Amino acid sequence: MFPSLGVEAVKLFAADRSGSALAAYGLFIDISLGITGPLIGGLIESFGIEYMFSFTTVIVFAGFVVCSSLNRKMVRGLATR
């Protein structure tokens, strides 16, 4: 998933900015991993491993909603051009 989303992110920018786009994409992936690792660890420590699965399901669904919303906005923006 990581490489395919990176390809899509780079397509949104001009060829002369593709390196910067890929670097920014990699940075945000690193930040998200740096946040979610300790967050899940704290959740497991506090509530037990069985809550990890329901928590990650909610987070994945929230990510899906955000991605769907952004996609709809992008499609609408392309339609008005």
Protein backbone atom coordinates (compact mmCIF):
# COMPACT_ATOMS: atom_id res chain seq x y z
CA MET A 1 0.00 0.00 0.00
CA PHE A 2 2.80 2.43 0.85
CA PRO A 3 4.43 2.44 -2.61
CA SER A 4 1.16 2.64 -4.54
CA LEU A 5 -0.08 5.63 -2.54
CA GLY A 6 3.30 7.28 -3.06
CA VAL A 7 2.93 6.88 -6.83
CA GLU A 8 -0.51 8.50 -6.67
CA ALA A 9 0.79 11.35 -4.51
CA VAL A 10 3.64 12.07 -6.93
CA LYS A 11 1.23 12.16 -9.90
CA LEU A 12 -0.48 15.20 -8.37
CA PHE A 13 2.65 17.34 -8.78
CA ALA A 14 4.66 18.58 -11.73
CA ALA A 15 7.69 16.51 -12.75
CA ASP A 16 10.13 19.04 -11.29
CA ARG A 17 8.49 18.68 -7.85
CA SER A 18 8.08 14.91 -7.78
CA GLY A 19 11.11 14.41 -5.52
CA SER A 20 9.76 16.88 -2.98
CA ALA A 21 6.32 15.26 -3.13
CA LEU A 22 7.79 11.81 -2.50
CA ALA A 23 9.92 13.13 0.38
CA ALA A 24 6.88 14.78 2.00
CA TYR A 25 4.88 11.57 1.58
CA GLY A 26 7.65 9.55 3.23
CA LEU A 27 7.87 12.07 6.07
CA PHE A 28 4.16 11.80 6.86
CA ILE A 29 4.34 8.00 6.81
CA ASP A 30 7.23 8.16 9.30
CA ILE A 31 5.31 10.57 11.53
CA SER A 32 2.21 8.36 11.48
CA LEU A 33 4.25 5.29 12.41
CA GLY A 34 5.96 7.25 15.18
CA ILE A 35 2.59 8.22 16.62
CA THR A 36 0.66 4.97 16.20
CA GLY A 37 3.31 2.66 17.65
CA PRO A 38 3.35 4.24 21.12
CA LEU A 39 -0.40 4.87 20.97
CA ILE A 40 -1.19 1.19 20.33
CA GLY A 41 1.41 0.16 22.92
CA GLY A 42 -0.24 2.36 25.54
CA LEU A 43 -3.66 1.02 24.62
CA ILE A 44 -2.47 -2.57 24.98
CA GLU A 45 -0.75 -1.76 28.27
CA SER A 46 -3.88 -0.11 29.69
CA PHE A 47 -6.71 -2.26 28.33
CA GLY A 48 -5.19 -5.48 26.95
CA ILE A 49 -4.41 -6.76 23.50
CA GLU A 50 -8.02 -7.62 22.65
CA TYR A 51 -8.89 -3.88 22.46
CA MET A 52 -6.16 -3.30 19.90
CA PHE A 53 -8.23 -4.91 17.15
CA SER A 54 -11.37 -2.87 17.70
CA PHE A 55 -9.32 0.33 18.04
CA THR A 56 -7.46 -0.29 14.80
CA THR A 57 -10.75 -1.13 13.04
CA VAL A 58 -12.13 2.26 14.06
CA ILE A 59 -8.94 4.04 12.95
CA VAL A 60 -8.90 2.26 9.58
CA PHE A 61 -12.56 3.14 9.02
CA ALA A 62 -11.84 6.78 9.89
CA GLY A 63 -8.97 6.76 7.38
CA PHE A 64 -11.29 5.33 4.76
CA VAL A 65 -13.82 8.10 5.39
CA VAL A 66 -11.12 10.78 5.14
CA CYS A 67 -9.72 9.30 1.91
CA SER A 68 -13.19 9.01 0.39
CA SER A 69 -13.97 12.61 1.29
CA LEU A 70 -10.71 13.87 -0.19
CA ASN A 71 -11.29 11.83 -3.34
CA ARG A 72 -14.78 13.30 -3.76
CA LYS A 73 -13.41 16.82 -3.37
CA MET A 74 -10.65 16.12 -5.89
CA VAL A 75 -13.10 14.69 -8.42
CA ARG A 76 -15.39 17.71 -8.00
CA GLY A 77 -12.41 20.02 -8.43
CA LEU A 78 -11.35 18.26 -11.62
CA ALA A 79 -14.91 18.42 -12.96
CA THR A 80 -15.02 22.23 -12.57
CA ARG A 81 -11.81 22.79 -14.57
